[in-house]
C-alpha atoms as a PDB file:
ATOM      1  CA  UNK A   1      20.361   5.842  -1.166  1.00  0.00           C
ATOM      2  CA  UNK A   2      21.115   7.985  -4.255  1.00  0.00           C
ATOM      3  CA  UNK A   3      22.606   5.991  -7.243  1.00  0.00           C
ATOM      4  CA  UNK A   4      25.905   7.986  -7.119  1.00  0.00           C
ATOM      5  CA  UNK A   5      26.460   6.766  -3.512  1.00  0.00           C
ATOM      6  CA  UNK A   6      25.834   3.123  -4.335  1.00  0.00           C
ATOM      7  CA  UNK A   7      28.540   0.571  -5.004  1.00  0.00           C
ATOM      8  CA  UNK A   8      26.345  -2.389  -5.370  1.00  0.00           C
ATOM      9  CA  UNK A   9      22.534  -2.548  -5.975  1.00  0.00           C
ATOM     10  CA  UNK A  10      20.088  -5.340  -6.488  1.00  0.00           C
ATOM     11  CA  UNK A  11      16.433  -4.665  -7.453  1.00  0.00           C
ATOM     12  CA  UNK A  12      13.761  -7.392  -7.192  1.00  0.00           C
ATOM     13  CA  UNK A  13      16.314 -10.113  -7.843  1.00  0.00           C
ATOM     14  CA  UNK A  14      14.988 -13.676  -8.143  1.00  0.00           C
ATOM     15  CA  UNK A  15      17.153 -16.826  -8.817  1.00  0.00           C
ATOM     16  CA  UNK A  16      15.523 -20.179  -9.558  1.00  0.00           C
ATOM     17  CA  UNK A  17      17.076 -23.552 -10.169  1.00  0.00           C
ATOM     18  CA  UNK A  18      14.300 -25.513 -11.898  1.00  0.00           C
ATOM     19  CA  UNK A  19      11.292 -25.427  -9.524  1.00  0.00           C
ATOM     20  CA  UNK A  20      13.426 -24.299  -6.559  1.00  0.00           C
ATOM     21  CA  UNK A  21      13.613 -20.638  -5.715  1.00  0.00           C
ATOM     22  CA  UNK A  22      16.864 -19.909  -3.980  1.00  0.00           C
ATOM     23  CA  UNK A  23      16.526 -16.068  -4.020  1.00  0.00           C
ATOM     24  CA  UNK A  24      13.046 -14.462  -4.088  1.00  0.00           C
ATOM     25  CA  UNK A  25      12.559 -10.827  -5.179  1.00  0.00           C
ATOM     26  CA  UNK A  26      15.432  -9.285  -3.047  1.00  0.00           C
ATOM     27  CA  UNK A  27      16.238  -5.611  -3.195  1.00  0.00           C
ATOM     28  CA  UNK A  28      19.329  -4.313  -1.434  1.00  0.00           C
ATOM     29  CA  UNK A  29      22.341  -1.934  -1.726  1.00  0.00           C
ATOM     30  CA  UNK A  30      25.844  -1.278  -0.308  1.00  0.00           C
ATOM     31  CA  UNK A  31      27.344   2.228  -0.156  1.00  0.00           C
ATOM     32  CA  UNK A  32      30.846   3.470   0.465  1.00  0.00           C
ATOM     33  CA  UNK A  33      32.215   3.014   4.030  1.00  0.00           C
ATOM     34  CA  UNK A  34      29.296   0.940   5.307  1.00  0.00           C
ATOM     35  CA  UNK A  35      29.193  -2.622   6.533  1.00  0.00           C
ATOM     36  CA  UNK A  36      26.090  -4.396   5.490  1.00  0.00           C
ATOM     37  CA  UNK A  37      25.387  -7.741   7.123  1.00  0.00           C
ATOM     38  CA  UNK A  38      23.469 -10.332   5.211  1.00  0.00           C
ATOM     39  CA  UNK A  39      22.095 -12.602   7.892  1.00  0.00           C
ATOM     40  CA  UNK A  40      20.237 -15.906   7.836  1.00  0.00           C
ATOM     41  CA  UNK A  41      20.390 -19.600   8.598  1.00  0.00           C
ATOM     42  CA  UNK A  42      22.199 -22.017   6.410  1.00  0.00           C
ATOM     43  CA  UNK A  43      20.247 -22.415   3.204  1.00  0.00           C
ATOM     44  CA  UNK A  44      18.569 -18.995   3.482  1.00  0.00           C
ATOM     45  CA  UNK A  45      19.949 -17.951   0.053  1.00  0.00           C
ATOM     46  CA  UNK A  46      22.863 -15.787   1.123  1.00  0.00           C
ATOM     47  CA  UNK A  47      25.506 -17.427  -0.994  1.00  0.00           C
ATOM     48  CA  UNK A  48      23.293 -17.578  -4.049  1.00  0.00           C
ATOM     49  CA  UNK A  49      22.507 -13.967  -3.741  1.00  0.00           C
ATOM     50  CA  UNK A  50      26.196 -13.189  -3.441  1.00  0.00           C
ATOM     51  CA  UNK A  51      27.009 -15.003  -6.624  1.00  0.00           C
ATOM     52  CA  UNK A  52      24.225 -13.180  -8.460  1.00  0.00           C
ATOM     53  CA  UNK A  53      25.453  -9.815  -7.173  1.00  0.00           C
ATOM     54  CA  UNK A  54      29.073 -10.608  -8.372  1.00  0.00           C
ATOM     55  CA  UNK A  55      27.805 -11.700 -11.771  1.00  0.00           C
ATOM     56  CA  UNK A  56      28.943 -15.259 -11.264  1.00  0.00           C
ATOM     57  CA  UNK A  57      25.509 -16.385 -12.105  1.00  0.00           C
ATOM     58  CA  UNK A  58      22.673 -14.503 -13.759  1.00  0.00           C
ATOM     59  CA  UNK A  59      19.432 -13.616 -12.127  1.00  0.00           C
ATOM     60  CA  UNK A  60      16.271 -15.287 -13.281  1.00  0.00           C
ATOM     61  CA  UNK A  61      14.500 -11.940 -13.038  1.00  0.00           C
ATOM     62  CA  UNK A  62      15.464  -8.584 -11.655  1.00  0.00           C
ATOM     63  CA  UNK A  63      18.582  -6.381 -12.078  1.00  0.00           C
ATOM     64  CA  UNK A  64      22.041  -6.077 -10.467  1.00  0.00           C
ATOM     65  CA  UNK A  65      24.429  -3.084 -10.831  1.00  0.00           C
ATOM     66  CA  UNK A  66      28.026  -3.051  -9.568  1.00  0.00           C
ATOM     67  CA  UNK A  67      29.651   0.534  -9.784  1.00  0.00           C
ATOM     68  CA  UNK A  68      26.706   1.609 -11.969  1.00  0.00           C
ATOM     69  CA  UNK A  69      26.964  -1.231 -14.564  1.00  0.00           C
ATOM     70  CA  UNK A  70      26.050  -4.841 -15.030  1.00  0.00           C
ATOM     71  CA  UNK A  71      28.590  -6.923 -13.244  1.00  0.00           C
ATOM     72  CA  UNK A  72      31.459  -7.875 -15.532  1.00  0.00           C
ATOM     73  CA  UNK A  73      35.236  -8.480 -15.407  1.00  0.00           C
ATOM     74  CA  UNK A  74      35.887  -4.694 -15.184  1.00  0.00           C
ATOM     75  CA  UNK A  75      33.629  -4.162 -12.244  1.00  0.00           C
ATOM     76  CA  UNK A  76      35.028  -7.276 -10.424  1.00  0.00           C
ATOM     77  CA  UNK A  77      38.398  -5.807 -10.717  1.00  0.00           C
ATOM     78  CA  UNK A  78      37.286  -3.062  -8.314  1.00  0.00           C
ATOM     79  CA  UNK A  79      36.138  -5.458  -5.595  1.00  0.00           C
ATOM     80  CA  UNK A  80      37.714  -7.941  -3.197  1.00  0.00           C
ATOM     81  CA  UNK A  81      36.002 -11.215  -2.751  1.00  0.00           C
ATOM     82  CA  UNK A  82      36.474 -13.947  -0.075  1.00  0.00           C
ATOM     83  CA  UNK A  83      34.287 -16.942  -0.875  1.00  0.00           C
ATOM     84  CA  UNK A  84      33.020 -19.339   1.648  1.00  0.00           C
ATOM     85  CA  UNK A  85      35.672 -21.768   0.335  1.00  0.00           C
ATOM     86  CA  UNK A  86      38.382 -19.087   0.456  1.00  0.00           C
ATOM     87  CA  UNK A  87      39.327 -19.373  -3.247  1.00  0.00           C
ATOM     88  CA  UNK A  88      42.887 -20.489  -2.404  1.00  0.00           C
ATOM     89  CA  UNK A  89      44.874 -23.130  -4.337  1.00  0.00           C
ATOM     90  CA  UNK A  90      45.564 -25.700  -1.634  1.00  0.00           C
ATOM     91  CA  UNK A  91      48.449 -27.430  -3.577  1.00  0.00           C
ATOM     92  CA  UNK A  92      50.316 -24.044  -4.132  1.00  0.00           C
ATOM     93  CA  UNK A  93      52.431 -22.309  -1.459  1.00  0.00           C
ATOM     94  CA  UNK A  94      51.367 -19.194   0.274  1.00  0.00           C
ATOM     95  CA  UNK A  95      53.714 -17.225  -1.901  1.00  0.00           C
ATOM     96  CA  UNK A  96      52.517 -18.795  -5.036  1.00  0.00           C
ATOM     97  CA  UNK A  97      48.895 -18.008  -4.179  1.00  0.00           C
ATOM     98  CA  UNK A  98      49.733 -14.304  -3.567  1.00  0.00           C
ATOM     99  CA  UNK A  99      51.843 -14.137  -6.832  1.00  0.00           C
ATOM    100  CA  UNK A 100      48.893 -15.716  -8.857  1.00  0.00           C
ATOM    101  CA  UNK A 101      46.406 -13.177  -7.513  1.00  0.00           C
ATOM    102  CA  UNK A 102      48.830 -10.285  -7.978  1.00  0.00           C
ATOM    103  CA  UNK A 103      49.234 -11.318 -11.730  1.00  0.00           C
ATOM    104  CA  UNK A 104      45.501 -11.538 -12.126  1.00  0.00           C
ATOM    105  CA  UNK A 105      44.916  -8.019 -10.797  1.00  0.00           C
ATOM    106  CA  UNK A 106      48.223  -6.724 -12.249  1.00  0.00           C
ATOM    107  CA  UNK A 107      49.359  -5.443  -8.889  1.00  0.00           C
ATOM    108  CA  UNK A 108      52.418  -6.181  -6.635  1.00  0.00           C
ATOM    109  CA  UNK A 109      51.989  -9.161  -4.355  1.00  0.00           C
ATOM    110  CA  UNK A 110      50.769  -8.034  -0.889  1.00  0.00           C
ATOM    111  CA  UNK A 111      53.188  -7.612   1.968  1.00  0.00           C
ATOM    112  CA  UNK A 112      52.352 -10.620   4.333  1.00  0.00           C
ATOM    113  CA  UNK A 113      51.938 -10.221   7.984  1.00  0.00           C
ATOM    114  CA  UNK A 114      54.770 -11.987  10.075  1.00  0.00           C
ATOM    115  CA  UNK A 115      52.664 -15.140  10.755  1.00  0.00           C
ATOM    116  CA  UNK A 116      52.024 -15.606   7.030  1.00  0.00           C
ATOM    117  CA  UNK A 117      55.496 -14.680   5.923  1.00  0.00           C
ATOM    118  CA  UNK A 118      56.791 -17.398   8.218  1.00  0.00           C
ATOM    119  CA  UNK A 119      54.917 -20.053   6.232  1.00  0.00           C
ATOM    120  CA  UNK A 120      55.164 -18.379   2.803  1.00  0.00           C
ATOM    121  CA  UNK A 121      56.944 -21.519   1.348  1.00  0.00           C
ATOM    122  CA  UNK A 122      54.441 -23.961   2.677  1.00  0.00           C
ATOM    123  CA  UNK A 123      51.503 -25.324   0.715  1.00  0.00           C
ATOM    124  CA  UNK A 124      48.144 -23.778   1.825  1.00  0.00           C
ATOM    125  CA  UNK A 125      46.914 -27.223   2.703  1.00  0.00           C
ATOM    126  CA  UNK A 126      49.629 -27.336   5.430  1.00  0.00           C
ATOM    127  CA  UNK A 127      48.667 -24.243   7.306  1.00  0.00           C
ATOM    128  CA  UNK A 128      45.647 -23.776   9.707  1.00  0.00           C
ATOM    129  CA  UNK A 129      42.279 -22.433   8.770  1.00  0.00           C
ATOM    130  CA  UNK A 130      42.818 -19.288  10.717  1.00  0.00           C
ATOM    131  CA  UNK A 131      45.940 -18.458   8.680  1.00  0.00           C
ATOM    132  CA  UNK A 132      44.293 -19.461   5.369  1.00  0.00           C
ATOM    133  CA  UNK A 133      41.405 -16.983   6.167  1.00  0.00           C
ATOM    134  CA  UNK A 134      43.921 -14.231   6.901  1.00  0.00           C
ATOM    135  CA  UNK A 135      45.653 -15.177   3.585  1.00  0.00           C
ATOM    136  CA  UNK A 136      42.436 -14.958   1.691  1.00  0.00           C
ATOM    137  CA  UNK A 137      41.854 -11.526   3.243  1.00  0.00           C
ATOM    138  CA  UNK A 138      45.382 -10.220   2.303  1.00  0.00           C
ATOM    139  CA  UNK A 139      44.830 -11.355  -1.242  1.00  0.00           C
ATOM    140  CA  UNK A 140      41.368  -9.791  -1.447  1.00  0.00           C
ATOM    141  CA  UNK A 141      42.750  -6.465  -0.195  1.00  0.00           C
ATOM    142  CA  UNK A 142      45.952  -6.315  -2.184  1.00  0.00           C
ATOM    143  CA  UNK A 143      44.539  -4.359  -5.106  1.00  0.00           C
ATOM    144  CA  UNK A 144      42.777  -1.817  -2.701  1.00  0.00           C
ATOM    145  CA  UNK A 145      39.187  -2.665  -3.655  1.00  0.00           C
ATOM    146  CA  UNK A 146      36.299  -0.192  -3.387  1.00  0.00           C
ATOM    147  CA  UNK A 147      33.979  -2.979  -2.327  1.00  0.00           C
ATOM    148  CA  UNK A 148      34.738  -6.007  -0.178  1.00  0.00           C
ATOM    149  CA  UNK A 149      32.390  -9.030  -0.346  1.00  0.00           C
ATOM    150  CA  UNK A 150      32.836 -11.720   2.338  1.00  0.00           C
ATOM    151  CA  UNK A 151      30.889 -14.901   2.458  1.00  0.00           C
ATOM    152  CA  UNK A 152      30.988 -16.416   5.979  1.00  0.00           C
ATOM    153  CA  UNK A 153      34.500 -15.013   6.613  1.00  0.00           C
ATOM    154  CA  UNK A 154      34.799 -16.210  10.181  1.00  0.00           C
ATOM    155  CA  UNK A 155      33.247 -19.666   9.897  1.00  0.00           C
ATOM    156  CA  UNK A 156      35.340 -22.239  11.741  1.00  0.00           C
ATOM    157  CA  UNK A 157      37.947 -19.922  13.171  1.00  0.00           C
ATOM    158  CA  UNK A 158      38.845 -19.330  16.870  1.00  0.00           C
ATOM    159  CA  UNK A 159      37.596 -16.279  18.666  1.00  0.00           C
ATOM    160  CA  UNK A 160      40.986 -14.423  18.457  1.00  0.00           C
ATOM    161  CA  UNK A 161      41.218 -14.937  14.646  1.00  0.00           C
ATOM    162  CA  UNK A 162      37.588 -13.863  14.306  1.00  0.00           C
ATOM    163  CA  UNK A 163      38.325 -10.595  16.132  1.00  0.00           C
ATOM    164  CA  UNK A 164      41.385  -9.915  13.952  1.00  0.00           C
ATOM    165  CA  UNK A 165      39.326 -10.413  10.856  1.00  0.00           C
ATOM    166  CA  UNK A 166      36.675  -7.985  12.013  1.00  0.00           C
ATOM    167  CA  UNK A 167      39.311  -5.485  12.845  1.00  0.00           C
ATOM    168  CA  UNK A 168      40.399  -5.722   9.190  1.00  0.00           C
ATOM    169  CA  UNK A 169      36.818  -5.276   8.050  1.00  0.00           C
ATOM    170  CA  UNK A 170      36.331  -2.163  10.188  1.00  0.00           C
ATOM    171  CA  UNK A 171      39.744  -0.745   8.952  1.00  0.00           C
ATOM    172  CA  UNK A 172      38.535  -1.108   5.328  1.00  0.00           C
ATOM    173  CA  UNK A 173      35.164   0.575   6.098  1.00  0.00           C
ATOM    174  CA  UNK A 174      36.994   3.456   7.869  1.00  0.00           C
ATOM    175  CA  UNK A 175      38.788   4.010   4.530  1.00  0.00           C
ATOM    176  CA  UNK A 176      35.432   4.226   2.611  1.00  0.00           C
ATOM    177  CA  UNK A 177      35.390   0.728   1.263  1.00  0.00           C
ATOM    178  CA  UNK A 178      31.864  -0.689   1.194  1.00  0.00           C
ATOM    179  CA  UNK A 179      31.599  -4.101   2.869  1.00  0.00           C
ATOM    180  CA  UNK A 180      28.922  -6.827   2.310  1.00  0.00           C
ATOM    181  CA  UNK A 181      29.351  -9.715   4.663  1.00  0.00           C
ATOM    182  CA  UNK A 182      27.322 -12.760   5.099  1.00  0.00           C
ATOM    183  CA  UNK A 183      27.085 -14.722   8.347  1.00  0.00           C
ATOM    184  CA  UNK A 184      24.829 -17.082  10.383  1.00  0.00           C
ATOM    185  CA  UNK A 185      26.426 -15.848  13.640  1.00  0.00           C
ATOM    186  CA  UNK A 186      23.865 -13.462  15.039  1.00  0.00           C
ATOM    187  CA  UNK A 187      26.361 -11.821  17.478  1.00  0.00           C
ATOM    188  CA  UNK A 188      28.333 -10.563  14.522  1.00  0.00           C
ATOM    189  CA  UNK A 189      25.357  -8.349  13.610  1.00  0.00           C
ATOM    190  CA  UNK A 190      26.495  -5.828  16.171  1.00  0.00           C
ATOM    191  CA  UNK A 191      29.637  -5.315  13.902  1.00  0.00           C
ATOM    192  CA  UNK A 192      27.492  -4.093  11.054  1.00  0.00           C
ATOM    193  CA  UNK A 193      25.918  -0.702  10.294  1.00  0.00           C
ATOM    194  CA  UNK A 194      22.933  -2.319   8.548  1.00  0.00           C
ATOM    195  CA  UNK A 195      21.449  -5.612   8.382  1.00  0.00           C
ATOM    196  CA  UNK A 196      19.425  -7.559   5.864  1.00  0.00           C
ATOM    197  CA  UNK A 197      17.739 -10.669   7.251  1.00  0.00           C
ATOM    198  CA  UNK A 198      17.073 -13.549   4.837  1.00  0.00           C
ATOM    199  CA  UNK A 199      14.747 -16.480   5.340  1.00  0.00           C
ATOM    200  CA  UNK A 200      13.875 -19.079   2.647  1.00  0.00           C
ATOM    201  CA  UNK A 201      15.327 -16.930  -0.090  1.00  0.00           C
ATOM    202  CA  UNK A 202      13.533 -13.724   0.917  1.00  0.00           C
ATOM    203  CA  UNK A 203      14.778 -10.520   2.482  1.00  0.00           C
ATOM    204  CA  UNK A 204      12.313 -10.364   5.404  1.00  0.00           C
ATOM    205  CA  UNK A 205      13.676  -7.513   7.409  1.00  0.00           C
ATOM    206  CA  UNK A 206      16.340  -4.752   7.210  1.00  0.00           C
ATOM    207  CA  UNK A 207      17.731  -1.910   9.163  1.00  0.00           C
ATOM    208  CA  UNK A 208      19.760  -1.819  12.444  1.00  0.00           C
ATOM    209  CA  UNK A 209      19.552  -4.634  14.990  1.00  0.00           C
ATOM    210  CA  UNK A 210      17.050  -2.553  17.046  1.00  0.00           C
ATOM    211  CA  UNK A 211      15.006  -1.918  13.897  1.00  0.00           C
ATOM    212  CA  UNK A 212      14.705  -5.581  13.189  1.00  0.00           C
ATOM    213  CA  UNK A 213      13.972  -6.713  16.672  1.00  0.00           C
ATOM    214  CA  UNK A 214      11.340  -3.912  17.027  1.00  0.00           C
ATOM    215  CA  UNK A 215       8.944  -4.525  19.862  1.00  0.00           C
ATOM    216  CA  UNK A 216       9.276  -8.360  19.863  1.00  0.00           C
ATOM    217  CA  UNK A 217       9.397  -9.670  23.411  1.00  0.00           C
ATOM    218  CA  UNK A 218      10.616 -12.831  25.107  1.00  0.00           C
ATOM    219  CA  UNK A 219       9.939 -14.456  28.525  1.00  0.00           C
ATOM    220  CA  UNK A 220      12.822 -15.162  30.775  1.00  0.00           C
ATOM    221  CA  UNK A 221      12.419 -17.795  33.599  1.00  0.00           C
ATOM    222  CA  UNK A 222      14.359 -17.246  36.863  1.00  0.00           C
ATOM    223  CA  UNK A 223      14.506 -20.418  38.953  1.00  0.00           C
ATOM    224  CA  UNK A 224      17.230 -22.614  40.522  1.00  0.00           C
ATOM    225  CA  UNK A 225      15.503 -25.482  38.861  1.00  0.00           C
ATOM    226  CA  UNK A 226      16.329 -24.302  35.402  1.00  0.00           C
ATOM    227  CA  UNK A 227      17.012 -27.829  33.884  1.00  0.00           C
ATOM    228  CA  UNK A 228      13.575 -29.054  35.107  1.00  0.00           C
ATOM    229  CA  UNK A 229      11.889 -25.810  33.833  1.00  0.00           C
ATOM    230  CA  UNK A 230      13.441 -26.227  30.443  1.00  0.00           C
ATOM    231  CA  UNK A 231      12.316 -29.877  30.209  1.00  0.00           C
ATOM    232  CA  UNK A 232       8.757 -29.084  31.370  1.00  0.00           C
ATOM    233  CA  UNK A 233       8.465 -26.192  28.907  1.00  0.00           C
ATOM    234  CA  UNK A 234       9.811 -28.300  26.124  1.00  0.00           C
ATOM    235  CA  UNK A 235       7.263 -31.154  26.904  1.00  0.00           C
ATOM    236  CA  UNK A 236       4.631 -28.427  26.721  1.00  0.00           C
ATOM    237  CA  UNK A 237       5.632 -27.762  23.116  1.00  0.00           C
ATOM    238  CA  UNK A 238       6.705 -24.220  23.857  1.00  0.00           C
ATOM    239  CA  UNK A 239       9.667 -22.667  21.880  1.00  0.00           C
ATOM    240  CA  UNK A 240      12.101 -22.837  24.748  1.00  0.00           C
ATOM    241  CA  UNK A 241      15.840 -22.079  24.563  1.00  0.00           C
ATOM    242  CA  UNK A 242      18.780 -21.844  26.874  1.00  0.00           C
ATOM    243  CA  UNK A 243      21.170 -18.917  27.265  1.00  0.00           C
ATOM    244  CA  UNK A 244      23.736 -20.303  29.671  1.00  0.00           C
ATOM    245  CA  UNK A 245      21.356 -21.243  32.521  1.00  0.00           C
ATOM    246  CA  UNK A 246      18.699 -18.726  31.613  1.00  0.00           C
ATOM    247  CA  UNK A 247      15.510 -20.229  30.252  1.00  0.00           C
ATOM    248  CA  UNK A 248      13.959 -18.141  27.493  1.00  0.00           C
ATOM    249  CA  UNK A 249      10.882 -18.296  25.314  1.00  0.00           C
ATOM    250  CA  UNK A 250      10.518 -15.853  22.355  1.00  0.00           C
ATOM    251  CA  UNK A 251       7.115 -14.439  21.358  1.00  0.00           C
ATOM    252  CA  UNK A 252       5.342 -16.388  24.070  1.00  0.00           C
ATOM    253  CA  UNK A 253       2.771 -14.898  26.435  1.00  0.00           C
ATOM    254  CA  UNK A 254       4.005 -14.929  30.133  1.00  0.00           C
ATOM    255  CA  UNK A 255       0.768 -16.478  31.341  1.00  0.00           C
ATOM    256  CA  UNK A 256       1.327 -19.497  29.011  1.00  0.00           C
ATOM    257  CA  UNK A 257       4.748 -19.965  30.412  1.00  0.00           C
ATOM    258  CA  UNK A 258       3.489 -19.673  34.010  1.00  0.00           C
ATOM    259  CA  UNK A 259       0.629 -22.120  33.406  1.00  0.00           C
ATOM    260  CA  UNK A 260       3.100 -24.737  32.070  1.00  0.00           C
ATOM    261  CA  UNK A 261       5.440 -24.366  34.983  1.00  0.00           C
ATOM    262  CA  UNK A 262       2.557 -24.560  37.442  1.00  0.00           C
ATOM    263  CA  UNK A 263       1.346 -27.749  35.850  1.00  0.00           C
ATOM    264  CA  UNK A 264       4.803 -29.196  36.270  1.00  0.00           C
ATOM    265  CA  UNK A 265       4.822 -27.899  39.892  1.00  0.00           C
ATOM    266  CA  UNK A 266       8.023 -25.902  39.233  1.00  0.00           C
ATOM    267  CA  UNK A 267       8.322 -22.536  41.204  1.00  0.00           C
ATOM    268  CA  UNK A 268       9.744 -19.747  39.063  1.00  0.00           C
ATOM    269  CA  UNK A 269       9.539 -16.067  38.360  1.00  0.00           C
ATOM    270  CA  UNK A 270       8.554 -15.300  34.802  1.00  0.00           C
ATOM    271  CA  UNK A 271       9.226 -11.775  33.371  1.00  0.00           C
ATOM    272  CA  UNK A 272       9.255 -10.222  29.880  1.00  0.00           C
ATOM    273  CA  UNK A 273      12.382  -8.860  28.220  1.00  0.00           C
ATOM    274  CA  UNK A 274      13.347  -7.587  24.804  1.00  0.00           C
ATOM    275  CA  UNK A 275      14.007 -10.505  22.373  1.00  0.00           C
ATOM    276  CA  UNK A 276      17.481 -11.060  20.906  1.00  0.00           C
ATOM    277  CA  UNK A 277      18.214 -10.946  17.176  1.00  0.00           C
ATOM    278  CA  UNK A 278      18.650 -14.716  17.162  1.00  0.00           C
ATOM    279  CA  UNK A 279      15.172 -15.105  18.758  1.00  0.00           C
ATOM    280  CA  UNK A 280      13.642 -12.828  16.174  1.00  0.00           C
ATOM    281  CA  UNK A 281      15.262 -14.864  13.413  1.00  0.00           C
ATOM    282  CA  UNK A 282      13.840 -18.007  14.938  1.00  0.00           C
ATOM    283  CA  UNK A 283      10.300 -16.469  15.055  1.00  0.00           C
ATOM    284  CA  UNK A 284      10.669 -15.421  11.364  1.00  0.00           C
ATOM    285  CA  UNK A 285      11.843 -18.944  10.273  1.00  0.00           C
ATOM    286  CA  UNK A 286       8.985 -20.756  11.888  1.00  0.00           C
ATOM    287  CA  UNK A 287       6.384 -18.343  10.340  1.00  0.00           C
ATOM    288  CA  UNK A 288       4.773 -19.985   7.341  1.00  0.00           C
ATOM    289  CA  UNK A 289       5.795 -18.358   3.951  1.00  0.00           C
ATOM    290  CA  UNK A 290       2.752 -16.556   2.397  1.00  0.00           C
ATOM    291  CA  UNK A 291       1.673 -17.950  -0.829  1.00  0.00           C
END
């Protein structure tokens, strides 16, 4: 991506805390109007990378540019940020939180949606998590940022609130705002234009969901005795998972699965299917890190 089309760029960024490497030589970028998903299990390094990208902590090595400059107060005024902890003052009311943010960005307070307006005089601690997240979004968007950075924005909210939050994300992207969003929900990857998969601090894959899965295959086991099949395959030490009542094994030869089921005297049909993104992530996470 040409430099003039980049809102946020990291090049070979590493962040160490003592002997622990939280982020390991990560290179990535976000352009206008695109939604980039930063995916990975808890502890993969996503939040630490976000903090480095925002200039909240300095990289040990590597470089970061936001709007063509080293992240500083001026560049942060052009972005909206919803941290994992939401960044709200729990003891202040909803209205006081919006007024505080408006004063910081020197903009008028945002017009609150009816559900938030109805609780505007209540302390944030007294409203539900779903409303708190919607308030954090409203505050982050009030100054019309060019870049929106969201750290686990839908964690702990109900499906309807999650859908509403993603509607807001897509609306921002449609208006040319760049979006960087971290999540450990693999199904949310389908909401992103481009993905960066992190494992143990490293960016181990990038591209679309199809790009990342590639030709990775999984086995699916069809049998009415699905519980017994799952138990038998688990006892055999195979990487078995359940999707509803469908027994699946990622990156496992079909003959290996058939042999284990035959040994357990379980009749089943085993066939290969395309792996899911979550299965690909599991394969990556159990692969030893090269030294």
